[in-house]
């Protein structure tokens, strides 16, 4: 069986993405797929300069060449952003537009069947929005561009531990309106199904509570009693062995100790704080519920260390490996 094709973008040109990609391409793990880098030649050159490496790549002119590689990474050159419009370590609309243009090309290639998965270096959501992205985050942009109307969400993975959430990049004050039985059930169902596709024979999925101490029997909030517990019961009645809810301040101890495979959280930081503390340098974000496997490092653009040659490519490597695995399974 031929290797899957994985398209890789440089992310935000003002951040550490170009350096990460250059450093990642020196690692032996790149043999897991036929890599197609997608982006500006000057961004690629700058990434290599900062990383102090010069990985071999074959320049291609068209996506149709991606299926005929010899395993050497390919570079599909695009003109997405001018070097004069970029300031390293700063948010710019130009970088946001460029990152979106490269991703759009990759999504279209996946729809055509020219690539099996997409892995992108870190983006900056503020830059993307300044650059014209009319969505709360890239997940919603992906879903819109791919015509997805069913439930989708963002997964974060750390080795064999996966997390999902029923609300994501929204103000903290808006979180309660997302805590509905319907969204909890949809998130849990998608999580269970995704883990099955990822190779878990019988995924152990649990719901996190919303309130401190799981609501303390209703004295510290009733969402557990009125919404989350009934959602879990309905899921169980439908044949899905979803556990919980468990208090959010202890549920990740169970996950750390290997008692759970996945935690469905109620909001962004509830899961992200725990996962990033457990393994910031290895975390991967996965777009769930989309027809195209899409992954990225769970960390950001790290503007504070841009250009210093300090960027750690471990999460980028793990994101690529997961994209390759999912891309191969989806073929």
Protein backbone atom coordinates (compact mmCIF):
# COMPACT_ATOMS: atom_id res chain seq x y z
CA UNK A 1 0.00 0.00 0.00
CA UNK A 2 1.34 3.42 -0.92
CA UNK A 3 1.95 6.00 1.77
CA UNK A 4 -0.74 8.57 2.52
CA UNK A 5 -0.19 12.10 1.27
CA UNK A 6 -0.14 14.70 4.03
CA UNK A 7 -0.26 18.41 3.18
CA UNK A 8 1.62 20.65 5.63
CA UNK A 9 1.33 24.43 5.87
CA UNK A 10 3.69 26.85 7.60
CA UNK A 11 0.95 28.43 9.74
CA UNK A 12 1.30 32.09 10.66
CA UNK A 13 4.39 33.47 8.92
CA UNK A 14 5.03 35.80 11.88
CA UNK A 15 5.29 32.90 14.34
CA UNK A 16 7.38 29.80 14.94
CA UNK A 17 5.57 27.70 12.33
CA UNK A 18 8.16 27.97 9.54
CA UNK A 19 10.95 27.05 11.97
CA UNK A 20 8.94 24.13 13.34
CA UNK A 21 8.33 22.70 9.88
CA UNK A 22 11.99 23.01 8.89
CA UNK A 23 13.20 21.31 12.07
CA UNK A 24 10.51 18.62 11.84
CA UNK A 25 11.66 17.65 8.33
CA UNK A 26 15.02 16.54 9.73
CA UNK A 27 13.35 13.84 11.82
CA UNK A 28 13.06 10.18 10.75
CA UNK A 29 9.31 10.18 11.41
CA UNK A 30 8.71 11.99 8.10
CA UNK A 31 8.87 8.59 6.38
CA UNK A 32 5.32 7.87 7.59
CA UNK A 33 3.80 9.76 4.65
CA UNK A 34 4.48 11.58 1.43
CA UNK A 35 4.73 15.18 2.61
CA UNK A 36 3.64 18.16 0.53
CA UNK A 37 4.63 21.53 1.99
CA UNK A 38 2.27 24.29 0.89
CA UNK A 39 3.27 27.94 1.10
CA UNK A 40 5.57 30.77 0.11
CA UNK A 41 9.19 30.02 -0.90
CA UNK A 42 10.48 32.92 1.20
CA UNK A 43 8.66 31.60 4.30
CA UNK A 44 10.23 28.17 3.78
CA UNK A 45 13.67 29.75 3.32
CA UNK A 46 13.26 31.81 6.49
CA UNK A 47 12.17 28.78 8.49
CA UNK A 48 15.27 26.88 7.42
CA UNK A 49 17.53 29.81 8.25
CA UNK A 50 16.12 30.18 11.77
CA UNK A 51 16.26 26.43 12.42
CA UNK A 52 19.76 26.15 10.95
CA UNK A 53 18.82 23.19 8.73
CA UNK A 54 18.38 22.52 5.01
CA UNK A 55 16.14 19.48 4.48
CA UNK A 56 15.90 18.15 0.94
CA UNK A 57 12.63 18.91 -0.86
CA UNK A 58 11.43 18.52 -4.44
CA UNK A 59 9.57 21.54 -5.82
CA UNK A 60 6.37 20.61 -7.64
CA UNK A 61 4.09 22.74 -9.80
CA UNK A 62 0.78 20.98 -9.38
CA UNK A 63 -1.10 18.89 -6.81
CA UNK A 64 -1.36 16.04 -9.32
CA UNK A 65 2.33 15.30 -8.70
CA UNK A 66 1.74 14.53 -5.01
CA UNK A 67 0.74 10.90 -5.62
CA UNK A 68 3.91 10.17 -7.59
CA UNK A 69 6.62 11.12 -5.10
CA UNK A 70 9.58 9.02 -4.07
CA UNK A 71 9.15 9.79 -0.37
CA UNK A 72 11.23 12.97 -0.46
CA UNK A 73 9.13 15.87 0.89
CA UNK A 74 7.65 18.09 -1.82
CA UNK A 75 7.12 21.85 -1.86
CA UNK A 76 4.12 23.25 -3.69
CA UNK A 77 4.91 26.94 -3.96
CA UNK A 78 2.18 29.52 -3.37
CA UNK A 79 2.28 33.30 -3.18
CA UNK A 80 0.12 34.02 -0.14
CA UNK A 81 1.89 36.85 1.69
CA UNK A 82 4.63 39.39 0.93
CA UNK A 83 7.70 39.35 3.15
CA UNK A 84 7.47 43.15 3.50
CA UNK A 85 4.03 42.79 5.14
CA UNK A 86 5.28 40.49 7.91
CA UNK A 87 6.76 41.55 11.24
CA UNK A 88 8.14 38.62 13.21
CA UNK A 89 6.42 38.16 16.55
CA UNK A 90 3.53 40.50 15.77
CA UNK A 91 -0.10 40.00 14.77
CA UNK A 92 -0.74 41.11 11.20
CA UNK A 93 -3.75 40.81 8.92
CA UNK A 94 -1.43 39.81 6.07
CA UNK A 95 -0.17 36.76 7.97
CA UNK A 96 -3.74 35.77 8.79
CA UNK A 97 -4.82 36.04 5.15
CA UNK A 98 -1.78 34.06 4.03
CA UNK A 99 -2.36 31.26 6.50
CA UNK A 100 -6.00 30.98 5.41
CA UNK A 101 -5.08 30.95 1.71
CA UNK A 102 -2.70 28.03 2.19
CA UNK A 103 -5.24 26.11 4.26
CA UNK A 104 -7.95 26.72 1.67
CA UNK A 105 -5.73 25.23 -1.02
CA UNK A 106 -5.15 22.16 1.16
CA UNK A 107 -8.85 21.68 1.91
CA UNK A 108 -9.68 21.89 -1.79
CA UNK A 109 -6.92 19.39 -2.57
CA UNK A 110 -8.34 16.99 0.00
CA UNK A 111 -11.82 17.27 -1.51
CA UNK A 112 -10.33 16.46 -4.93
CA UNK A 113 -8.46 13.49 -3.48
CA UNK A 114 -4.97 14.94 -4.04
CA UNK A 115 -4.11 14.70 -0.34
CA UNK A 116 -5.31 12.37 2.41
CA UNK A 117 -4.83 14.67 5.41
CA UNK A 118 -3.80 18.18 6.40
CA UNK A 119 -1.38 19.16 9.17
CA UNK A 120 -0.83 22.85 9.80
CA UNK A 121 1.75 24.68 11.88
CA UNK A 122 0.34 27.03 14.55
CA UNK A 123 -2.04 29.81 13.53
CA UNK A 124 -2.93 33.03 15.30
CA UNK A 125 -6.68 33.45 15.60
CA UNK A 126 -6.47 37.22 16.03
CA UNK A 127 -4.44 37.50 12.82
CA UNK A 128 -6.89 35.23 11.00
CA UNK A 129 -9.82 37.41 12.07
CA UNK A 130 -7.97 40.63 11.20
CA UNK A 131 -7.26 39.04 7.84
CA UNK A 132 -10.94 38.50 7.11
CA UNK A 133 -11.86 35.14 8.67
CA UNK A 134 -15.51 35.62 9.66
CA UNK A 135 -15.64 32.72 12.12
CA UNK A 136 -14.83 32.25 15.81
CA UNK A 137 -11.96 29.90 14.96
CA UNK A 138 -10.42 27.82 12.17
CA UNK A 139 -12.62 24.80 13.02
CA UNK A 140 -15.72 26.74 12.00
CA UNK A 141 -13.93 27.98 8.88
CA UNK A 142 -13.06 24.39 7.95
CA UNK A 143 -16.62 23.20 8.53
CA UNK A 144 -18.08 26.05 6.48
CA UNK A 145 -15.66 25.53 3.60
CA UNK A 146 -16.29 21.78 3.57
CA UNK A 147 -20.07 22.18 3.81
CA UNK A 148 -20.39 20.41 7.17
CA UNK A 149 -23.69 21.04 8.94
CA UNK A 150 -23.61 18.19 11.49
CA UNK A 151 -21.93 18.45 14.89
CA UNK A 152 -18.16 19.00 14.87
CA UNK A 153 -15.68 19.85 17.58
CA UNK A 154 -12.02 20.21 18.43
CA UNK A 155 -10.18 17.29 20.02
CA UNK A 156 -6.94 17.59 21.92
CA UNK A 157 -4.76 14.52 22.25
CA UNK A 158 -1.81 13.62 24.41
CA UNK A 159 -0.61 10.15 23.51
CA UNK A 160 -3.60 7.90 24.22
CA UNK A 161 -5.60 10.57 26.09
CA UNK A 162 -8.17 12.52 24.06
CA UNK A 163 -10.30 15.46 25.19
CA UNK A 164 -13.22 17.22 23.55
CA UNK A 165 -15.50 20.04 24.60
CA UNK A 166 -19.03 21.24 24.04
CA UNK A 167 -17.98 24.89 23.70
CA UNK A 168 -14.70 26.24 22.44
CA UNK A 169 -13.49 29.72 21.52
CA UNK A 170 -16.32 31.69 23.08
CA UNK A 171 -16.42 34.18 25.99
CA UNK A 172 -16.54 32.58 29.42
CA UNK A 173 -19.80 34.41 30.13
CA UNK A 174 -21.48 32.61 27.22
CA UNK A 175 -20.56 29.07 28.28
CA UNK A 176 -23.82 28.22 30.17
CA UNK A 177 -25.92 28.56 27.02
CA UNK A 178 -23.82 25.85 25.36
CA UNK A 179 -24.44 23.41 28.22
CA UNK A 180 -27.40 21.61 26.70
CA UNK A 181 -28.33 17.96 26.67
CA UNK A 182 -28.25 17.95 22.89
CA UNK A 183 -24.70 19.32 22.62
CA UNK A 184 -23.40 17.05 25.38
CA UNK A 185 -24.83 13.99 23.67
CA UNK A 186 -23.49 15.05 20.26
CA UNK A 187 -20.00 15.68 21.68
CA UNK A 188 -19.93 12.37 23.54
CA UNK A 189 -21.19 10.41 20.53
CA UNK A 190 -18.62 11.99 18.21
CA UNK A 191 -15.86 11.39 20.75
CA UNK A 192 -16.77 7.72 21.15
CA UNK A 193 -17.00 7.20 17.37
CA UNK A 194 -13.74 9.03 16.69
CA UNK A 195 -11.82 6.98 19.25
CA UNK A 196 -13.21 3.78 17.72
CA UNK A 197 -11.87 4.91 14.32
CA UNK A 198 -8.54 5.76 15.97
CA UNK A 199 -8.17 2.16 17.13
CA UNK A 200 -9.68 2.08 20.63
CA UNK A 201 -11.64 -1.19 20.87
CA UNK A 202 -13.92 0.03 23.68
CA UNK A 203 -13.31 3.72 24.42
CA UNK A 204 -13.68 4.81 28.04
CA UNK A 205 -15.29 8.23 27.71
CA UNK A 206 -16.38 10.38 30.66
CA UNK A 207 -18.17 13.70 31.08
CA UNK A 208 -16.72 16.49 33.20
CA UNK A 209 -19.03 18.43 35.49
CA UNK A 210 -19.51 22.17 34.97
CA UNK A 211 -19.73 23.42 38.55
CA UNK A 212 -17.23 23.15 41.43
CA UNK A 213 -17.45 19.76 43.18
CA UNK A 214 -19.90 18.62 40.52
CA UNK A 215 -22.51 21.05 41.87
CA UNK A 216 -22.48 19.67 45.42
CA UNK A 217 -25.90 18.09 45.07
CA UNK A 218 -27.41 21.22 43.55
CA UNK A 219 -26.15 23.64 46.21
CA UNK A 220 -23.42 24.90 43.86
CA UNK A 221 -25.29 24.80 40.56
CA UNK A 222 -27.90 22.48 39.05
CA UNK A 223 -26.49 21.82 35.56
CA UNK A 224 -25.24 18.40 36.64
CA UNK A 225 -28.64 17.34 37.96
CA UNK A 226 -30.80 18.96 35.30
CA UNK A 227 -28.67 18.54 32.16
CA UNK A 228 -25.43 16.56 32.33
CA UNK A 229 -26.59 13.50 34.28
CA UNK A 230 -29.75 13.11 32.15
CA UNK A 231 -27.58 13.33 29.01
CA UNK A 232 -25.32 10.58 30.33
CA UNK A 233 -28.32 8.41 31.17
CA UNK A 234 -29.78 8.80 27.68
CA UNK A 235 -26.43 7.92 26.14
CA UNK A 236 -26.23 4.81 28.31
CA UNK A 237 -29.78 3.84 27.35
CA UNK A 238 -28.75 4.19 23.68
CA UNK A 239 -25.88 1.76 24.18
CA UNK A 240 -22.96 4.13 24.68
CA UNK A 241 -21.13 3.47 27.99
CA UNK A 242 -20.44 7.14 28.73
CA UNK A 243 -19.36 7.73 32.35
CA UNK A 244 -19.85 10.65 34.71
CA UNK A 245 -20.19 13.47 35.25
CA UNK A 246 -17.12 13.70 37.48
CA UNK A 247 -15.88 16.89 39.17
CA UNK A 248 -13.53 18.70 36.81
CA UNK A 249 -10.81 19.11 39.44
CA UNK A 250 -10.34 15.33 39.78
CA UNK A 251 -11.43 13.79 36.47
CA UNK A 252 -8.00 14.28 34.91
CA UNK A 253 -6.40 12.35 37.77
CA UNK A 254 -8.40 9.35 36.54
CA UNK A 255 -7.23 10.05 32.99
CA UNK A 256 -3.61 10.45 34.09
CA UNK A 257 -3.77 7.12 35.89
CA UNK A 258 -5.04 5.32 32.80
CA UNK A 259 -8.64 4.83 33.91
CA UNK A 260 -10.10 6.91 31.08
CA UNK A 261 -9.33 7.31 27.38
CA UNK A 262 -11.21 10.55 26.86
CA UNK A 263 -12.83 13.40 28.76
CA UNK A 264 -15.65 15.52 27.35
CA UNK A 265 -15.30 18.95 28.97
CA UNK A 266 -17.78 21.78 29.16
CA UNK A 267 -15.49 24.61 28.01
CA UNK A 268 -12.08 25.33 26.53
CA UNK A 269 -9.80 25.85 29.53
CA UNK A 270 -11.40 23.08 31.58
CA UNK A 271 -9.57 20.53 29.47
CA UNK A 272 -6.77 22.59 27.97
CA UNK A 273 -5.19 23.54 31.29
CA UNK A 274 -4.98 19.90 32.32
CA UNK A 275 -3.69 18.56 29.00
CA UNK A 276 -1.09 21.28 28.53
CA UNK A 277 0.16 20.77 32.06
CA UNK A 278 0.43 17.02 31.47
CA UNK A 279 2.40 17.40 28.24
CA UNK A 280 2.54 20.83 26.61
CA UNK A 281 5.33 19.88 24.19
CA UNK A 282 3.50 16.80 22.89
CA UNK A 283 -0.12 17.90 22.59
CA UNK A 284 -2.01 17.73 19.30
CA UNK A 285 -5.29 19.31 18.22
CA UNK A 286 -7.56 17.33 15.88
CA UNK A 287 -10.56 18.63 13.94
CA UNK A 288 -13.39 16.24 14.79
CA UNK A 289 -16.50 15.59 12.72
CA UNK A 290 -15.03 16.78 9.39
CA UNK A 291 -14.59 14.67 6.24
CA UNK A 292 -10.87 15.51 6.08
CA UNK A 293 -8.32 14.52 8.78
CA UNK A 294 -6.85 17.80 10.04
CA UNK A 295 -4.29 18.14 12.84
CA UNK A 296 -2.03 20.79 14.36
CA UNK A 297 0.20 21.21 17.43
CA UNK A 298 -1.85 22.14 20.48
CA UNK A 299 0.42 25.08 21.27
CA UNK A 300 0.35 28.50 19.64
CA UNK A 301 2.56 30.74 17.51
CA UNK A 302 4.93 31.57 20.41
CA UNK A 303 5.64 35.13 19.29
CA UNK A 304 7.93 35.57 22.30
CA UNK A 305 10.57 33.18 20.92
CA UNK A 306 10.24 33.78 17.17
CA UNK A 307 13.57 33.91 15.37
CA UNK A 308 15.58 32.59 18.31
CA UNK A 309 15.95 29.02 17.08
CA UNK A 310 14.32 27.63 20.23
CA UNK A 311 11.12 26.13 18.86
CA UNK A 312 10.51 22.49 19.85
CA UNK A 313 9.17 20.37 16.97
CA UNK A 314 7.86 17.48 19.10
CA UNK A 315 4.19 18.51 18.96
CA UNK A 316 4.50 19.20 15.23
CA UNK A 317 5.92 15.72 14.78
CA UNK A 318 3.11 14.13 16.79
CA UNK A 319 0.51 16.13 14.83
CA UNK A 320 2.00 14.88 11.56
CA UNK A 321 2.09 11.26 12.71
CA UNK A 322 -1.56 11.39 13.74
CA UNK A 323 -2.50 13.02 10.41
CA UNK A 324 -0.62 10.27 8.57
CA UNK A 325 -2.36 7.54 10.57
CA UNK A 326 -5.81 9.06 10.07
CA UNK A 327 -5.12 9.77 6.41
CA UNK A 328 -4.11 6.17 5.80
CA UNK A 329 -7.22 4.89 7.57
CA UNK A 330 -9.48 7.19 5.55
CA UNK A 331 -8.19 6.05 2.14
